Amino acid sequence: MRIAAKPTEQEIIEGPQAVSFQIANGTARQRCVLQTELPTKALAQKFLLANWPVIEKMARDALAAGSLEDGQIKLVMAA
């Protein structure tokens, strides 16, 4: 079992981390951002991968609803 890395000083200063990903939109790609409450990029990425089916569905639902901000889909991790 691996111990999660402690946040670096830079990550503590930056605060909660966001991870970007893309989903297919026909022949194009749609940029998405997931804002997390996690202190490190590694933990945020791990959360994204562990919860991919739910996050992808949320992103696709937002795309279908036209919920774009600055040309991208923004999702927020709830506590």
PDB file of N, CA and C in Angstrom:
ATOM      1  N   MET A   1       0.837  -1.173   0.000  1.00  0.00           N
ATOM      2  CA  MET A   1       0.000   0.000   0.000  1.00  0.00           C
ATOM      3  C   MET A   1       0.883   1.238   0.000  1.00  0.00           C
ATOM      4  N   ARG A   2       0.543   2.173  -0.876  1.00  0.00           N
ATOM      5  CA  ARG A   2       1.335   3.391  -1.005  1.00  0.00           C
ATOM      6  C   ARG A   2       0.742   4.499  -0.146  1.00  0.00           C
ATOM      7  N   ILE A   3       1.609   5.296   0.393  1.00  0.00           N
ATOM      8  CA  ILE A   3       1.185   6.458   1.169  1.00  0.00           C
ATOM      9  C   ILE A   3       1.058   7.630   0.215  1.00  0.00           C
ATOM     10  N   ALA A   4      -0.042   8.350   0.316  1.00  0.00           N
ATOM     11  CA  ALA A   4      -0.270   9.499  -0.565  1.00  0.00           C
ATOM     12  C   ALA A   4       0.789  10.562  -0.312  1.00  0.00           C
ATOM     13  N   ALA A   5       1.248  11.174  -1.388  1.00  0.00           N
ATOM     14  CA  ALA A   5       2.252  12.226  -1.275  1.00  0.00           C
ATOM     15  C   ALA A   5       1.668  13.437  -0.562  1.00  0.00           C
ATOM     16  N   LYS A   6       2.483  14.029   0.287  1.00  0.00           N
ATOM     17  CA  LYS A   6       2.051  15.251   0.967  1.00  0.00           C
ATOM     18  C   LYS A   6       2.117  16.403  -0.029  1.00  0.00           C
ATOM     19  N   PRO A   7       1.212  17.362   0.103  1.00  0.00           N
ATOM     20  CA  PRO A   7       1.252  18.488  -0.824  1.00  0.00           C
ATOM     21  C   PRO A   7       2.550  19.288  -0.678  1.00  0.00           C
ATOM     22  N   THR A   8       3.027  19.764  -1.812  1.00  0.00           N
ATOM     23  CA  THR A   8       4.225  20.598  -1.792  1.00  0.00           C
ATOM     24  C   THR A   8       3.841  21.993  -1.300  1.00  0.00           C
ATOM     25  N   GLU A   9       4.845  22.792  -1.011  1.00  0.00           N
ATOM     26  CA  GLU A   9       4.581  24.160  -0.567  1.00  0.00           C
ATOM     27  C   GLU A   9       3.816  24.933  -1.646  1.00  0.00           C
ATOM     28  N   GLN A  10       4.197  24.707  -2.908  1.00  0.00           N
ATOM     29  CA  GLN A  10       3.511  25.371  -4.027  1.00  0.00           C
ATOM     30  C   GLN A  10       2.048  24.958  -4.084  1.00  0.00           C
ATOM     31  N   GLU A  11       1.765  23.669  -3.899  1.00  0.00           N
ATOM     32  CA  GLU A  11       0.383  23.188  -3.937  1.00  0.00           C
ATOM     33  C   GLU A  11      -0.428  23.749  -2.769  1.00  0.00           C
ATOM     34  N   ILE A  12       0.201  23.896  -1.624  1.00  0.00           N
ATOM     35  CA  ILE A  12      -0.494  24.491  -0.472  1.00  0.00           C
ATOM     36  C   ILE A  12      -0.855  25.940  -0.787  1.00  0.00           C
ATOM     37  N   ILE A  13       0.060  26.656  -1.417  1.00  0.00           N
ATOM     38  CA  ILE A  13      -0.191  28.052  -1.792  1.00  0.00           C
ATOM     39  C   ILE A  13      -1.308  28.130  -2.830  1.00  0.00           C
ATOM     40  N   GLU A  14      -1.268  27.218  -3.814  1.00  0.00           N
ATOM     41  CA  GLU A  14      -2.265  27.214  -4.892  1.00  0.00           C
ATOM     42  C   GLU A  14      -3.639  26.787  -4.404  1.00  0.00           C
ATOM     43  N   GLY A  15      -3.689  25.958  -3.374  1.00  0.00           N
ATOM     44  CA  GLY A  15      -4.973  25.494  -2.862  1.00  0.00           C
ATOM     45  C   GLY A  15      -5.479  24.276  -3.625  1.00  0.00           C
ATOM     46  N   PRO A  16      -6.783  24.025  -3.552  1.00  0.00           N
ATOM     47  CA  PRO A  16      -7.366  22.855  -4.204  1.00  0.00           C
ATOM     48  C   PRO A  16      -7.007  22.793  -5.695  1.00  0.00           C
ATOM     49  N   GLN A  17      -6.824  21.579  -6.178  1.00  0.00           N
ATOM     50  CA  GLN A  17      -6.335  21.363  -7.538  1.00  0.00           C
ATOM     51  C   GLN A  17      -7.457  21.055  -8.528  1.00  0.00           C
ATOM     52  N   ALA A  18      -7.223  21.408  -9.772  1.00  0.00           N
ATOM     53  CA  ALA A  18      -8.141  21.106 -10.871  1.00  0.00           C
ATOM     54  C   ALA A  18      -7.410  20.217 -11.868  1.00  0.00           C
ATOM     55  N   VAL A  19      -8.157  19.343 -12.523  1.00  0.00           N
ATOM     56  CA  VAL A  19      -7.587  18.505 -13.580  1.00  0.00           C
ATOM     57  C   VAL A  19      -8.400  18.708 -14.846  1.00  0.00           C
ATOM     58  N   SER A  20      -7.712  18.705 -15.970  1.00  0.00           N
ATOM     59  CA  SER A  20      -8.357  18.878 -17.271  1.00  0.00           C
ATOM     60  C   SER A  20      -8.439  17.547 -17.983  1.00  0.00           C
ATOM     61  N   PHE A  21      -9.481  17.401 -18.791  1.00  0.00           N
ATOM     62  CA  PHE A  21      -9.635  16.222 -19.626  1.00  0.00           C
ATOM     63  C   PHE A  21     -10.473  16.611 -20.825  1.00  0.00           C
ATOM     64  N   GLN A  22     -10.581  15.730 -21.793  1.00  0.00           N
ATOM     65  CA  GLN A  22     -11.374  15.992 -22.989  1.00  0.00           C
ATOM     66  C   GLN A  22     -12.335  14.835 -23.221  1.00  0.00           C
ATOM     67  N   ILE A  23     -13.483  15.173 -23.809  1.00  0.00           N
ATOM     68  CA  ILE A  23     -14.412  14.146 -24.254  1.00  0.00           C
ATOM     69  C   ILE A  23     -14.666  14.363 -25.735  1.00  0.00           C
ATOM     70  N   ALA A  24     -15.014  13.283 -26.419  1.00  0.00           N
ATOM     71  CA  ALA A  24     -15.321  13.375 -27.837  1.00  0.00           C
ATOM     72  C   ALA A  24     -16.675  14.051 -28.014  1.00  0.00           C
ATOM     73  N   ASN A  25     -16.742  14.938 -29.014  1.00  0.00           N
ATOM     74  CA  ASN A  25     -17.980  15.635 -29.351  1.00  0.00           C
ATOM     75  C   ASN A  25     -18.109  15.547 -30.868  1.00  0.00           C
ATOM     76  N   GLY A  26     -18.656  14.423 -31.344  1.00  0.00           N
ATOM     77  CA  GLY A  26     -18.678  14.188 -32.786  1.00  0.00           C
ATOM     78  C   GLY A  26     -17.254  13.966 -33.260  1.00  0.00           C
ATOM     79  N   THR A  27     -16.824  14.771 -34.222  1.00  0.00           N
ATOM     80  CA  THR A  27     -15.447  14.650 -34.708  1.00  0.00           C
ATOM     81  C   THR A  27     -14.509  15.605 -33.977  1.00  0.00           C
ATOM     82  N   ALA A  28     -15.040  16.379 -33.054  1.00  0.00           N
ATOM     83  CA  ALA A  28     -14.231  17.339 -32.298  1.00  0.00           C
ATOM     84  C   ALA A  28     -13.988  16.821 -30.881  1.00  0.00           C
ATOM     85  N   ARG A  29     -13.173  17.547 -30.145  1.00  0.00           N
ATOM     86  CA  ARG A  29     -12.913  17.243 -28.739  1.00  0.00           C
ATOM     87  C   ARG A  29     -13.399  18.422 -27.913  1.00  0.00           C
ATOM     88  N   GLN A  30     -13.983  18.131 -26.755  1.00  0.00           N
ATOM     89  CA  GLN A  30     -14.473  19.180 -25.867  1.00  0.00           C
ATOM     90  C   GLN A  30     -13.622  19.195 -24.610  1.00  0.00           C
ATOM     91  N   ARG A  31     -13.045  20.342 -24.307  1.00  0.00           N
ATOM     92  CA  ARG A  31     -12.215  20.493 -23.109  1.00  0.00           C
ATOM     93  C   ARG A  31     -13.106  20.584 -21.885  1.00  0.00           C
ATOM     94  N   CYS A  32     -12.704  19.891 -20.826  1.00  0.00           N
ATOM     95  CA  CYS A  32     -13.431  19.881 -19.563  1.00  0.00           C
ATOM     96  C   CYS A  32     -12.438  20.097 -18.420  1.00  0.00           C
ATOM     97  N   VAL A  33     -12.916  20.704 -17.354  1.00  0.00           N
ATOM     98  CA  VAL A  33     -12.096  20.925 -16.165  1.00  0.00           C
ATOM     99  C   VAL A  33     -12.887  20.448 -14.956  1.00  0.00           C
ATOM    100  N   LEU A  34     -12.241  19.643 -14.113  1.00  0.00           N
ATOM    101  CA  LEU A  34     -12.841  19.193 -12.862  1.00  0.00           C
ATOM    102  C   LEU A  34     -12.110  19.870 -11.718  1.00  0.00           C
ATOM    103  N   GLN A  35     -12.817  20.727 -10.989  1.00  0.00           N
ATOM    104  CA  GLN A  35     -12.239  21.398  -9.820  1.00  0.00           C
ATOM    105  C   GLN A  35     -12.464  20.495  -8.613  1.00  0.00           C
ATOM    106  N   THR A  36     -11.379  20.146  -7.926  1.00  0.00           N
ATOM    107  CA  THR A  36     -11.488  19.268  -6.764  1.00  0.00           C
ATOM    108  C   THR A  36     -11.153  20.030  -5.490  1.00  0.00           C
ATOM    109  N   GLU A  37     -11.327  19.356  -4.375  1.00  0.00           N
ATOM    110  CA  GLU A  37     -10.924  19.908  -3.086  1.00  0.00           C
ATOM    111  C   GLU A  37      -9.627  19.250  -2.622  1.00  0.00           C
ATOM    112  N   LEU A  38      -9.013  18.496  -3.504  1.00  0.00           N
ATOM    113  CA  LEU A  38      -7.823  17.724  -3.146  1.00  0.00           C
ATOM    114  C   LEU A  38      -6.560  18.587  -3.225  1.00  0.00           C
ATOM    115  N   PRO A  39      -5.585  18.321  -2.340  1.00  0.00           N
ATOM    116  CA  PRO A  39      -4.407  19.197  -2.255  1.00  0.00           C
ATOM    117  C   PRO A  39      -3.326  18.961  -3.292  1.00  0.00           C
ATOM    118  N   THR A  40      -3.326  17.814  -3.990  1.00  0.00           N
ATOM    119  CA  THR A  40      -2.269  17.558  -4.962  1.00  0.00           C
ATOM    120  C   THR A  40      -2.858  17.176  -6.315  1.00  0.00           C
ATOM    121  N   LYS A  41      -2.091  17.448  -7.368  1.00  0.00           N
ATOM    122  CA  LYS A  41      -2.516  17.068  -8.721  1.00  0.00           C
ATOM    123  C   LYS A  41      -2.660  15.555  -8.823  1.00  0.00           C
ATOM    124  N   ALA A  42      -1.755  14.812  -8.181  1.00  0.00           N
ATOM    125  CA  ALA A  42      -1.799  13.352  -8.249  1.00  0.00           C
ATOM    126  C   ALA A  42      -3.098  12.819  -7.653  1.00  0.00           C
ATOM    127  N   LEU A  43      -3.508  13.357  -6.526  1.00  0.00           N
ATOM    128  CA  LEU A  43      -4.761  12.918  -5.906  1.00  0.00           C
ATOM    129  C   LEU A  43      -5.963  13.314  -6.758  1.00  0.00           C
ATOM    130  N   ALA A  44      -5.906  14.496  -7.346  1.00  0.00           N
ATOM    131  CA  ALA A  44      -7.004  14.949  -8.206  1.00  0.00           C
ATOM    132  C   ALA A  44      -7.125  14.050  -9.432  1.00  0.00           C
ATOM    133  N   GLN A  45      -5.994  13.677 -10.033  1.00  0.00           N
ATOM    134  CA  GLN A  45      -5.992  12.788 -11.200  1.00  0.00           C
ATOM    135  C   GLN A  45      -6.513  11.407 -10.811  1.00  0.00           C
ATOM    136  N   LYS A  46      -6.093  10.924  -9.649  1.00  0.00           N
ATOM    137  CA  LYS A  46      -6.552   9.617  -9.166  1.00  0.00           C
ATOM    138  C   LYS A  46      -8.065   9.633  -8.949  1.00  0.00           C
ATOM    139  N   PHE A  47      -8.573  10.713  -8.397  1.00  0.00           N
ATOM    140  CA  PHE A  47     -10.016  10.854  -8.197  1.00  0.00           C
ATOM    141  C   PHE A  47     -10.741  10.822  -9.541  1.00  0.00           C
ATOM    142  N   LEU A  48     -10.217  11.547 -10.531  1.00  0.00           N
ATOM    143  CA  LEU A  48     -10.815  11.569 -11.866  1.00  0.00           C
ATOM    144  C   LEU A  48     -10.895  10.158 -12.444  1.00  0.00           C
ATOM    145  N   LEU A  49      -9.799   9.426 -12.386  1.00  0.00           N
ATOM    146  CA  LEU A  49      -9.763   8.088 -12.962  1.00  0.00           C
ATOM    147  C   LEU A  49     -10.666   7.114 -12.208  1.00  0.00           C
ATOM    148  N   ALA A  50     -10.699   7.220 -10.885  1.00  0.00           N
ATOM    149  CA  ALA A  50     -11.514   6.317 -10.080  1.00  0.00           C
ATOM    150  C   ALA A  50     -13.007   6.550 -10.289  1.00  0.00           C
ATOM    151  N   ASN A  51     -13.370   7.775 -10.641  1.00  0.00           N
ATOM    152  CA  ASN A  51     -14.782   8.127 -10.795  1.00  0.00           C
ATOM    153  C   ASN A  51     -15.137   8.473 -12.238  1.00  0.00           C
ATOM    154  N   TRP A  52     -14.323   8.009 -13.194  1.00  0.00           N
ATOM    155  CA  TRP A  52     -14.484   8.380 -14.591  1.00  0.00           C
ATOM    156  C   TRP A  52     -15.898   8.171 -15.139  1.00  0.00           C
ATOM    157  N   PRO A  53     -16.553   7.035 -14.932  1.00  0.00           N
ATOM    158  CA  PRO A  53     -17.883   6.857 -15.538  1.00  0.00           C
ATOM    159  C   PRO A  53     -18.881   7.946 -15.114  1.00  0.00           C
ATOM    160  N   VAL A  54     -18.879   8.297 -13.850  1.00  0.00           N
ATOM    161  CA  VAL A  54     -19.801   9.320 -13.348  1.00  0.00           C
ATOM    162  C   VAL A  54     -19.408  10.702 -13.871  1.00  0.00           C
ATOM    163  N   ILE A  55     -18.106  11.001 -13.855  1.00  0.00           N
ATOM    164  CA  ILE A  55     -17.635  12.311 -14.307  1.00  0.00           C
ATOM    165  C   ILE A  55     -17.879  12.482 -15.802  1.00  0.00           C
ATOM    166  N   GLU A  56     -17.626  11.429 -16.575  1.00  0.00           N
ATOM    167  CA  GLU A  56     -17.872  11.511 -18.013  1.00  0.00           C
ATOM    168  C   GLU A  56     -19.353  11.761 -18.292  1.00  0.00           C
ATOM    169  N   LYS A  57     -20.242  11.075 -17.564  1.00  0.00           N
ATOM    170  CA  LYS A  57     -21.683  11.279 -17.754  1.00  0.00           C
ATOM    171  C   LYS A  57     -22.077  12.715 -17.414  1.00  0.00           C
ATOM    172  N   MET A  58     -21.533  13.247 -16.337  1.00  0.00           N
ATOM    173  CA  MET A  58     -21.822  14.629 -15.960  1.00  0.00           C
ATOM    174  C   MET A  58     -21.348  15.586 -17.049  1.00  0.00           C
ATOM    175  N   ALA A  59     -20.168  15.333 -17.606  1.00  0.00           N
ATOM    176  CA  ALA A  59     -19.629  16.195 -18.656  1.00  0.00           C
ATOM    177  C   ALA A  59     -20.498  16.116 -19.910  1.00  0.00           C
ATOM    178  N   ARG A  60     -20.914  14.915 -20.272  1.00  0.00           N
ATOM    179  CA  ARG A  60     -21.764  14.755 -21.463  1.00  0.00           C
ATOM    180  C   ARG A  60     -23.132  15.402 -21.261  1.00  0.00           C
ATOM    181  N   ASP A  61     -23.687  15.292 -20.049  1.00  0.00           N
ATOM    182  CA  ASP A  61     -24.966  15.944 -19.744  1.00  0.00           C
ATOM    183  C   ASP A  61     -24.822  17.463 -19.843  1.00  0.00           C
ATOM    184  N   ALA A  62     -23.722  18.002 -19.339  1.00  0.00           N
ATOM    185  CA  ALA A  62     -23.478  19.444 -19.411  1.00  0.00           C
ATOM    186  C   ALA A  62     -23.311  19.889 -20.860  1.00  0.00           C
ATOM    187  N   LEU A  63     -22.628  19.071 -21.661  1.00  0.00           N
ATOM    188  CA  LEU A  63     -22.448  19.384 -23.077  1.00  0.00           C
ATOM    189  C   LEU A  63     -23.800  19.406 -23.787  1.00  0.00           C
ATOM    190  N   ALA A  64     -24.641  18.415 -23.516  1.00  0.00           N
ATOM    191  CA  ALA A  64     -25.967  18.340 -24.138  1.00  0.00           C
ATOM    192  C   ALA A  64     -26.839  19.526 -23.733  1.00  0.00           C
ATOM    193  N   ALA A  65     -26.661  20.004 -22.512  1.00  0.00           N
ATOM    194  CA  ALA A  65     -27.436  21.142 -22.022  1.00  0.00           C
ATOM    195  C   ALA A  65     -26.857  22.474 -22.472  1.00  0.00           C
ATOM    196  N   GLY A  66     -25.669  22.438 -23.077  1.00  0.00           N
ATOM    197  CA  GLY A  66     -25.025  23.673 -23.529  1.00  0.00           C
ATOM    198  C   GLY A  66     -24.404  24.467 -22.402  1.00  0.00           C
ATOM    199  N   SER A  67     -24.060  23.796 -21.312  1.00  0.00           N
ATOM    200  CA  SER A  67     -23.486  24.463 -20.142  1.00  0.00           C
ATOM    201  C   SER A  67     -21.977  24.643 -20.296  1.00  0.00           C
ATOM    202  N   LEU A  68     -21.590  25.600 -21.117  1.00  0.00           N
ATOM    203  CA  LEU A  68     -20.180  25.886 -21.337  1.00  0.00           C
ATOM    204  C   LEU A  68     -19.815  27.212 -20.692  1.00  0.00           C
ATOM    205  N   GLU A  69     -18.631  27.271 -20.116  1.00  0.00           N
ATOM    206  CA  GLU A  69     -18.088  28.510 -19.569  1.00  0.00           C
ATOM    207  C   GLU A  69     -16.736  28.735 -20.230  1.00  0.00           C
ATOM    208  N   ASP A  70     -16.596  29.840 -20.913  1.00  0.00           N
ATOM    209  CA  ASP A  70     -15.350  30.148 -21.630  1.00  0.00           C
ATOM    210  C   ASP A  70     -14.984  29.026 -22.601  1.00  0.00           C
ATOM    211  N   GLY A  71     -15.987  28.416 -23.221  1.00  0.00           N
ATOM    212  CA  GLY A  71     -15.753  27.375 -24.217  1.00  0.00           C
ATOM    213  C   GLY A  71     -15.397  26.015 -23.654  1.00  0.00           C
ATOM    214  N   GLN A  72     -15.516  25.844 -22.342  1.00  0.00           N
ATOM    215  CA  GLN A  72     -15.203  24.555 -21.743  1.00  0.00           C
ATOM    216  C   GLN A  72     -16.265  24.173 -20.720  1.00  0.00           C
ATOM    217  N   ILE A  73     -16.299  22.894 -20.401  1.00  0.00           N
ATOM    218  CA  ILE A  73     -17.234  22.399 -19.401  1.00  0.00           C
ATOM    219  C   ILE A  73     -16.506  22.428 -18.063  1.00  0.00           C
ATOM    220  N   LYS A  74     -17.122  23.037 -17.080  1.00  0.00           N
ATOM    221  CA  LYS A  74     -16.511  23.118 -15.755  1.00  0.00           C
ATOM    222  C   LYS A  74     -17.347  22.310 -14.762  1.00  0.00           C
ATOM    223  N   LEU A  75     -16.721  21.327 -14.148  1.00  0.00           N
ATOM    224  CA  LEU A  75     -17.359  20.498 -13.146  1.00  0.00           C
ATOM    225  C   LEU A  75     -16.681  20.756 -11.802  1.00  0.00           C
ATOM    226  N   VAL A  76     -17.451  20.657 -10.725  1.00  0.00           N
ATOM    227  CA  VAL A  76     -16.916  20.896  -9.387  1.00  0.00           C
ATOM    228  C   VAL A  76     -17.191  19.692  -8.511  1.00  0.00           C
ATOM    229  N   MET A  77     -16.159  19.202  -7.832  1.00  0.00           N
ATOM    230  CA  MET A  77     -16.292  18.093  -6.915  1.00  0.00           C
ATOM    231  C   MET A  77     -16.976  18.594  -5.643  1.00  0.00           C
ATOM    232  N   ALA A  78     -18.067  17.936  -5.260  1.00  0.00           N
ATOM    233  CA  ALA A  78     -18.789  18.316  -4.039  1.00  0.00           C
ATOM    234  C   ALA A  78     -18.227  17.547  -2.862  1.00  0.00           C
ATOM    235  N   ALA A  79     -18.259  18.165  -1.707  1.00  0.00           N
ATOM    236  CA  ALA A  79     -17.732  17.532  -0.497  1.00  0.00           C
ATOM    237  C   ALA A  79     -18.604  16.410  -0.026  1.00  0.00           C
TER     238      ALA A  79
END
